[in-house]
N, C-alpha and C. Protein backbone atom coordinates (compact mmCIF):
# COMPACT_ATOMS: atom_id res chain seq x y z
N MET A 1 6.68 -40.13 44.76
CA MET A 1 6.89 -39.24 45.97
C MET A 1 7.30 -38.02 45.81
N ASN A 2 8.42 -37.88 44.65
CA ASN A 2 8.68 -36.98 44.43
C ASN A 2 7.59 -35.95 43.62
N PHE A 3 6.60 -36.15 43.01
CA PHE A 3 5.80 -35.57 42.73
C PHE A 3 4.71 -34.93 43.87
N ILE A 4 4.61 -35.75 44.96
CA ILE A 4 3.75 -35.04 46.34
C ILE A 4 4.65 -34.11 46.45
N LYS A 5 6.16 -34.11 46.56
CA LYS A 5 6.95 -32.97 47.43
C LYS A 5 6.83 -31.64 46.31
N LYS A 6 6.89 -32.05 45.12
CA LYS A 6 6.64 -30.77 44.08
C LYS A 6 5.35 -30.03 44.44
N ILE A 7 4.24 -30.79 44.64
CA ILE A 7 3.12 -30.25 45.01
C ILE A 7 2.96 -29.62 46.20
N ARG A 8 3.50 -29.97 47.08
CA ARG A 8 3.62 -29.50 48.45
C ARG A 8 4.39 -28.10 48.93
N THR A 9 5.44 -28.01 47.74
CA THR A 9 6.16 -26.75 48.12
C THR A 9 5.62 -26.04 46.72
N ASN A 10 4.65 -26.33 46.09
CA ASN A 10 4.05 -25.20 45.07
C ASN A 10 3.44 -24.15 46.17
N ARG A 11 3.76 -23.00 45.55
CA ARG A 11 2.88 -21.61 46.29
C ARG A 11 1.47 -21.92 46.28
N TRP A 12 0.67 -22.18 45.48
CA TRP A 12 -0.68 -22.20 45.55
C TRP A 12 -1.03 -23.29 46.51
N PHE A 13 -0.62 -24.34 46.30
CA PHE A 13 -0.96 -25.29 47.43
C PHE A 13 -0.54 -25.15 48.86
N SER A 14 0.31 -24.58 49.24
CA SER A 14 0.23 -23.92 50.29
C SER A 14 -0.72 -22.78 50.96
N PHE A 15 -0.94 -21.80 49.74
CA PHE A 15 -1.86 -20.77 49.94
C PHE A 15 -3.42 -21.59 50.28
N PHE A 16 -3.72 -22.68 49.63
CA PHE A 16 -5.19 -23.03 49.51
C PHE A 16 -5.09 -24.00 50.78
N SER A 17 -4.19 -24.43 51.13
CA SER A 17 -4.39 -25.37 52.09
C SER A 17 -4.04 -25.00 53.87
N ASN A 18 -4.12 -23.55 53.56
CA ASN A 18 -4.04 -22.67 54.96
C ASN A 18 -5.10 -22.73 55.57
N ILE A 19 -5.71 -23.15 56.73
CA ILE A 19 -6.72 -23.45 57.54
C ILE A 19 -7.82 -21.96 57.26
N TYR A 20 -7.21 -21.04 57.46
CA TYR A 20 -8.19 -19.66 57.19
C TYR A 20 -8.76 -19.62 56.14
N VAL A 21 -8.10 -19.91 54.84
CA VAL A 21 -8.65 -20.13 53.26
C VAL A 21 -9.55 -21.28 53.17
N ILE A 22 -9.18 -22.24 53.84
CA ILE A 22 -10.28 -23.21 53.98
C ILE A 22 -11.76 -22.85 54.71
N VAL A 23 -11.32 -22.43 55.78
CA VAL A 23 -12.74 -22.19 56.66
C VAL A 23 -13.60 -20.88 55.88
N LEU A 24 -12.65 -20.25 55.14
CA LEU A 24 -13.37 -18.90 54.62
C LEU A 24 -14.26 -19.41 53.67
N THR A 25 -13.64 -20.32 52.74
CA THR A 25 -13.95 -20.94 51.51
C THR A 25 -15.45 -21.71 51.50
N VAL A 26 -15.46 -22.51 52.91
CA VAL A 26 -16.57 -23.11 53.39
C VAL A 26 -17.86 -22.29 53.74
N PHE A 27 -17.51 -21.41 54.97
CA PHE A 27 -18.19 -20.34 55.19
C PHE A 27 -19.06 -19.82 53.97
N ALA A 28 -18.15 -19.12 52.95
CA ALA A 28 -18.65 -18.56 51.83
C ALA A 28 -19.68 -19.27 50.83
N VAL A 29 -19.18 -20.51 50.70
CA VAL A 29 -20.27 -21.57 49.89
C VAL A 29 -21.21 -21.84 50.93
N TRP A 30 -21.21 -21.90 52.22
CA TRP A 30 -22.28 -22.42 52.85
C TRP A 30 -23.41 -21.03 52.59
N MET A 31 -22.97 -19.66 52.94
CA MET A 31 -23.72 -18.73 53.22
C MET A 31 -24.41 -18.48 51.57
N ILE A 32 -23.78 -18.74 50.46
CA ILE A 32 -24.30 -18.38 49.29
C ILE A 32 -25.38 -19.30 48.66
N PHE A 33 -25.24 -20.86 49.08
CA PHE A 33 -25.96 -21.67 48.60
C PHE A 33 -26.80 -22.72 49.38
N PHE A 34 -26.53 -22.52 50.43
CA PHE A 34 -26.80 -23.55 51.63
C PHE A 34 -27.60 -22.97 52.84
N ASP A 35 -27.36 -21.99 53.02
CA ASP A 35 -27.98 -21.15 54.23
C ASP A 35 -29.62 -20.66 53.96
N THR A 36 -30.38 -20.90 54.91
CA THR A 36 -31.87 -20.27 54.88
C THR A 36 -32.08 -18.93 54.18
N ASN A 37 -30.92 -18.11 54.66
CA ASN A 37 -30.86 -16.51 54.09
C ASN A 37 -29.84 -16.40 52.97
N SER A 38 -29.86 -17.48 51.85
CA SER A 38 -28.90 -17.32 51.05
C SER A 38 -28.78 -16.46 49.76
N LEU A 39 -27.68 -16.10 49.30
CA LEU A 39 -28.00 -15.50 48.21
C LEU A 39 -29.01 -15.46 47.50
N LEU A 40 -29.37 -16.94 46.99
CA LEU A 40 -30.06 -17.30 45.86
C LEU A 40 -31.75 -17.12 46.57
N THR A 41 -31.77 -17.18 47.69
CA THR A 41 -33.07 -16.85 48.14
C THR A 41 -33.22 -15.52 48.17
N HIS A 42 -32.32 -14.58 48.50
CA HIS A 42 -32.43 -13.07 48.36
C HIS A 42 -32.89 -12.78 46.79
N MET A 43 -32.21 -13.03 46.09
CA MET A 43 -32.56 -12.69 44.48
C MET A 43 -33.99 -13.43 44.24
N GLU A 44 -34.43 -14.42 44.59
CA GLU A 44 -35.84 -15.00 44.26
C GLU A 44 -36.62 -13.98 44.91
N LEU A 45 -36.40 -13.58 45.92
CA LEU A 45 -37.25 -12.82 47.02
C LEU A 45 -37.30 -11.22 46.16
N GLU A 46 -36.13 -11.00 45.82
CA GLU A 46 -36.11 -9.47 44.88
C GLU A 46 -37.07 -9.70 43.84
N LYS A 47 -37.07 -10.84 42.84
CA LYS A 47 -37.71 -10.79 41.85
C LYS A 47 -39.41 -10.81 42.17
N GLU A 48 -39.71 -11.55 43.41
CA GLU A 48 -41.21 -11.56 43.96
C GLU A 48 -41.52 -10.05 44.22
N ILE A 49 -40.71 -9.50 45.03
CA ILE A 49 -40.79 -7.87 45.29
C ILE A 49 -41.17 -6.94 44.27
N ASP A 50 -40.61 -6.89 42.87
CA ASP A 50 -40.49 -6.53 42.18
C ASP A 50 -41.79 -6.63 41.21
N LYS A 51 -42.14 -8.16 41.11
CA LYS A 51 -43.39 -8.55 40.44
C LYS A 51 -44.55 -7.80 41.22
N LEU A 52 -44.62 -7.99 42.69
CA LEU A 52 -45.59 -7.35 43.50
C LEU A 52 -45.69 -5.65 43.64
N GLN A 53 -44.59 -5.24 43.45
CA GLN A 53 -44.58 -3.70 43.10
C GLN A 53 -45.22 -3.52 41.98
N LYS A 54 -45.09 -4.21 40.70
CA LYS A 54 -45.73 -3.67 39.60
C LYS A 54 -46.81 -4.19 39.76
N GLN A 55 -47.39 -5.16 40.29
CA GLN A 55 -49.08 -5.36 40.37
C GLN A 55 -49.64 -4.38 41.16
N LYS A 56 -49.10 -3.89 42.41
CA LYS A 56 -49.68 -2.82 43.31
C LYS A 56 -49.70 -1.56 42.33
N GLU A 57 -48.87 -1.22 41.69
CA GLU A 57 -48.91 0.17 40.63
C GLU A 57 -50.23 -0.08 39.91
N TYR A 58 -50.28 -1.51 38.92
CA TYR A 58 -51.57 -1.42 38.20
C TYR A 58 -52.78 -1.35 39.06
N LEU A 59 -52.86 -1.86 40.34
CA LEU A 59 -54.12 -1.97 40.71
C LEU A 59 -54.31 -0.71 41.20
N GLN A 60 -53.28 0.28 41.99
CA GLN A 60 -53.27 1.60 42.04
C GLN A 60 -54.18 2.46 40.88
N LYS A 61 -53.85 2.14 39.66
CA LYS A 61 -54.02 2.79 38.46
C LYS A 61 -55.83 2.00 38.36
N GLU A 62 -55.99 1.00 38.51
CA GLU A 62 -57.20 0.78 38.42
C GLU A 62 -58.37 1.24 39.49
N ILE A 63 -57.99 1.35 40.79
CA ILE A 63 -58.64 1.69 41.66
C ILE A 63 -58.98 3.63 41.34
N SER A 64 -57.84 4.21 40.68
CA SER A 64 -58.01 5.24 40.48
C SER A 64 -58.91 5.51 39.61
N GLU A 65 -59.15 4.71 38.33
CA GLU A 65 -60.14 4.68 37.41
C GLU A 65 -61.41 4.33 37.74
N ASP A 66 -61.58 3.42 38.60
CA ASP A 66 -62.78 3.05 39.24
C ASP A 66 -63.58 4.09 40.27
N LYS A 67 -62.76 4.97 41.05
CA LYS A 67 -63.10 6.08 41.58
C LYS A 67 -63.65 7.16 40.77
N LYS A 68 -63.00 7.46 39.76
CA LYS A 68 -63.60 8.26 38.77
C LYS A 68 -65.07 8.01 38.42
N VAL A 69 -65.13 6.45 37.79
CA VAL A 69 -66.49 6.36 37.44
C VAL A 69 -67.36 6.15 38.33
N ILE A 70 -67.07 6.14 39.69
CA ILE A 70 -67.91 6.04 40.87
C ILE A 70 -68.47 7.43 41.08
N ASP A 71 -67.52 8.43 40.85
CA ASP A 71 -67.70 9.86 41.19
C ASP A 71 -68.84 10.23 39.86
N ASN A 72 -68.59 9.76 38.59
CA ASN A 72 -69.50 10.03 37.58
C ASN A 72 -70.95 9.39 37.83
N LEU A 73 -70.93 8.40 38.41
CA LEU A 73 -72.22 7.58 38.46
C LEU A 73 -72.94 8.10 39.53
N LYS A 74 -72.60 9.36 40.32
CA LYS A 74 -73.07 9.64 41.46
C LYS A 74 -74.19 10.82 41.16
N GLU A 75 -74.54 10.95 39.82
CA GLU A 75 -75.75 11.55 39.18
C GLU A 75 -76.65 10.74 38.55
N ASP A 76 -77.93 10.66 38.53
CA ASP A 76 -78.85 10.05 38.10
C ASP A 76 -79.03 9.81 36.78
N ARG A 77 -78.58 11.09 35.79
CA ARG A 77 -78.73 10.61 34.56
C ARG A 77 -77.61 9.69 34.03
N ASN A 78 -76.30 9.93 34.90
CA ASN A 78 -75.06 8.74 34.25
C ASN A 78 -75.15 7.48 34.82
N ILE A 79 -76.20 7.16 35.92
CA ILE A 79 -76.45 5.87 36.48
C ILE A 79 -77.33 5.36 35.14
N GLU A 80 -78.38 6.19 34.90
CA GLU A 80 -79.32 5.47 33.84
C GLU A 80 -78.42 5.09 32.55
N LYS A 81 -77.64 6.28 32.08
CA LYS A 81 -77.09 5.81 30.94
C LYS A 81 -75.89 4.56 30.93
N PHE A 82 -75.28 4.48 32.01
CA PHE A 82 -74.74 3.32 32.24
C PHE A 82 -75.35 1.89 32.49
N ALA A 83 -76.45 1.78 33.08
CA ALA A 83 -77.20 0.81 33.04
C ALA A 83 -78.02 0.19 31.91
N ARG A 84 -78.05 1.41 30.89
CA ARG A 84 -78.59 1.14 29.64
C ARG A 84 -77.40 0.37 29.06
N GLU A 85 -76.43 1.09 28.90
CA GLU A 85 -75.27 0.75 27.95
C GLU A 85 -74.58 -0.75 28.45
N GLU A 86 -74.41 -1.02 29.82
CA GLU A 86 -73.64 -2.11 30.02
C GLU A 86 -74.45 -3.34 30.55
N TYR A 87 -75.57 -3.05 31.27
CA TYR A 87 -76.30 -4.06 31.62
C TYR A 87 -77.78 -4.30 30.35
N TYR A 88 -77.87 -3.44 29.74
CA TYR A 88 -79.10 -3.40 28.68
C TYR A 88 -80.43 -3.14 29.55
N PHE A 89 -80.45 -2.26 30.31
CA PHE A 89 -81.55 -2.02 31.16
C PHE A 89 -82.64 -1.48 30.00
N LYS A 90 -83.75 -1.27 30.48
CA LYS A 90 -84.61 -0.62 29.67
C LYS A 90 -85.84 -0.44 30.42
N LYS A 91 -86.71 0.53 29.56
CA LYS A 91 -88.06 1.39 30.62
C LYS A 91 -88.80 0.04 29.87
N ASP A 92 -90.30 0.25 30.48
CA ASP A 92 -91.15 -0.84 30.53
C ASP A 92 -91.97 -0.73 28.87
N ASP A 93 -91.97 0.40 28.32
CA ASP A 93 -92.58 0.69 27.20
C ASP A 93 -91.50 0.80 25.93
N GLU A 94 -90.42 0.26 26.07
CA GLU A 94 -89.25 0.31 25.04
C GLU A 94 -88.66 -1.02 24.51
N GLU A 95 -88.13 -1.22 23.64
CA GLU A 95 -87.53 -2.23 23.01
C GLU A 95 -85.94 -2.21 22.78
N ILE A 96 -85.17 -3.06 23.12
CA ILE A 96 -83.99 -2.64 22.64
C ILE A 96 -83.61 -3.29 21.52
N TYR A 97 -82.86 -2.96 20.50
CA TYR A 97 -81.92 -3.63 19.68
C TYR A 97 -80.50 -3.73 19.78
N ILE A 98 -79.79 -4.82 19.92
CA ILE A 98 -78.42 -4.65 20.22
C ILE A 98 -77.81 -4.98 18.87
N ILE A 99 -76.87 -4.07 17.88
CA ILE A 99 -76.35 -4.30 16.87
C ILE A 99 -74.83 -4.46 17.03
N GLU A 100 -74.46 -5.63 16.82
CA GLU A 100 -72.89 -5.63 17.05
C GLU A 100 -72.18 -6.09 15.76
N LYS A 101 -70.79 -5.39 15.71
CA LYS A 101 -69.92 -5.85 14.64
C LYS A 101 -69.26 -6.96 15.01
N GLN A 102 -68.87 -7.52 13.62
CA GLN A 102 -68.02 -8.85 13.98
C GLN A 102 -66.80 -8.72 14.99
N ASP A 103 -66.05 -7.57 14.84
CA ASP A 103 -65.11 -7.50 15.72
C ASP A 103 -65.39 -7.08 16.99
N SER A 104 -66.29 -6.64 17.45
CA SER A 104 -66.78 -6.22 18.66
C SER A 104 -67.06 -7.73 19.67
N ILE A 105 -67.69 -8.59 18.76
CA ILE A 105 -67.95 -10.02 19.22
C ILE A 105 -66.57 -10.59 19.75
N ALA A 106 -65.65 -10.71 18.82
CA ALA A 106 -64.58 -11.17 19.18
C ALA A 106 -63.82 -10.47 20.23
N TRP A 107 -63.82 -9.44 20.57
CA TRP A 107 -63.14 -8.61 21.50
C TRP A 107 -63.64 -8.90 23.01
N LYS A 108 -65.16 -9.04 22.89
CA LYS A 108 -65.88 -9.65 24.02
C LYS A 108 -65.72 -10.67 24.59
N LYS A 109 -65.22 -11.63 23.77
CA LYS A 109 -64.77 -13.15 23.89
C LYS A 109 -63.54 -13.05 24.38
N LYS A 110 -62.68 -12.23 24.07
CA LYS A 110 -61.34 -12.33 24.76
C LYS A 110 -61.49 -11.59 25.92
N LYS A 111 -62.34 -10.53 26.25
CA LYS A 111 -62.54 -9.78 27.69
C LYS A 111 -62.89 -10.86 28.41
N LYS A 112 -63.91 -11.70 28.11
CA LYS A 112 -64.61 -12.98 29.02
C LYS A 112 -63.52 -13.86 29.35
N LYS A 113 -62.72 -14.27 28.58
CA LYS A 113 -61.45 -15.23 28.72
C LYS A 113 -60.47 -14.65 29.78
N LYS A 114 -60.22 -13.55 29.81
CA LYS A 114 -59.31 -12.92 30.60
C LYS A 114 -59.89 -12.82 32.08
N GLU A 115 -61.23 -12.61 32.03
CA GLU A 115 -61.89 -12.75 33.69
C GLU A 115 -61.89 -14.11 34.44
């Protein structure tokens, strides 16, 4: 009994046994961990937003590069060059020989795996 009296007269026990402190502590724990709009949820959403913004910047960069290619292909001469280089198109009376180096073959395989 003497031990319990010492605990109750302790300054920290009286502070933490105050109803306002208890309610405030329960409220803070609830808002940080259990609420649907908890702090943890906000942190996860912020990470997702950052990831999506980086993806948006990357895609905008890709779009601008594709627009440059499209503008370049508006000329017939450039269309023919592009078709010959990328798709190996040829005229009826031509033969095409494709010479690839060993390192370019490995690079194309890596490129196909990414797609």
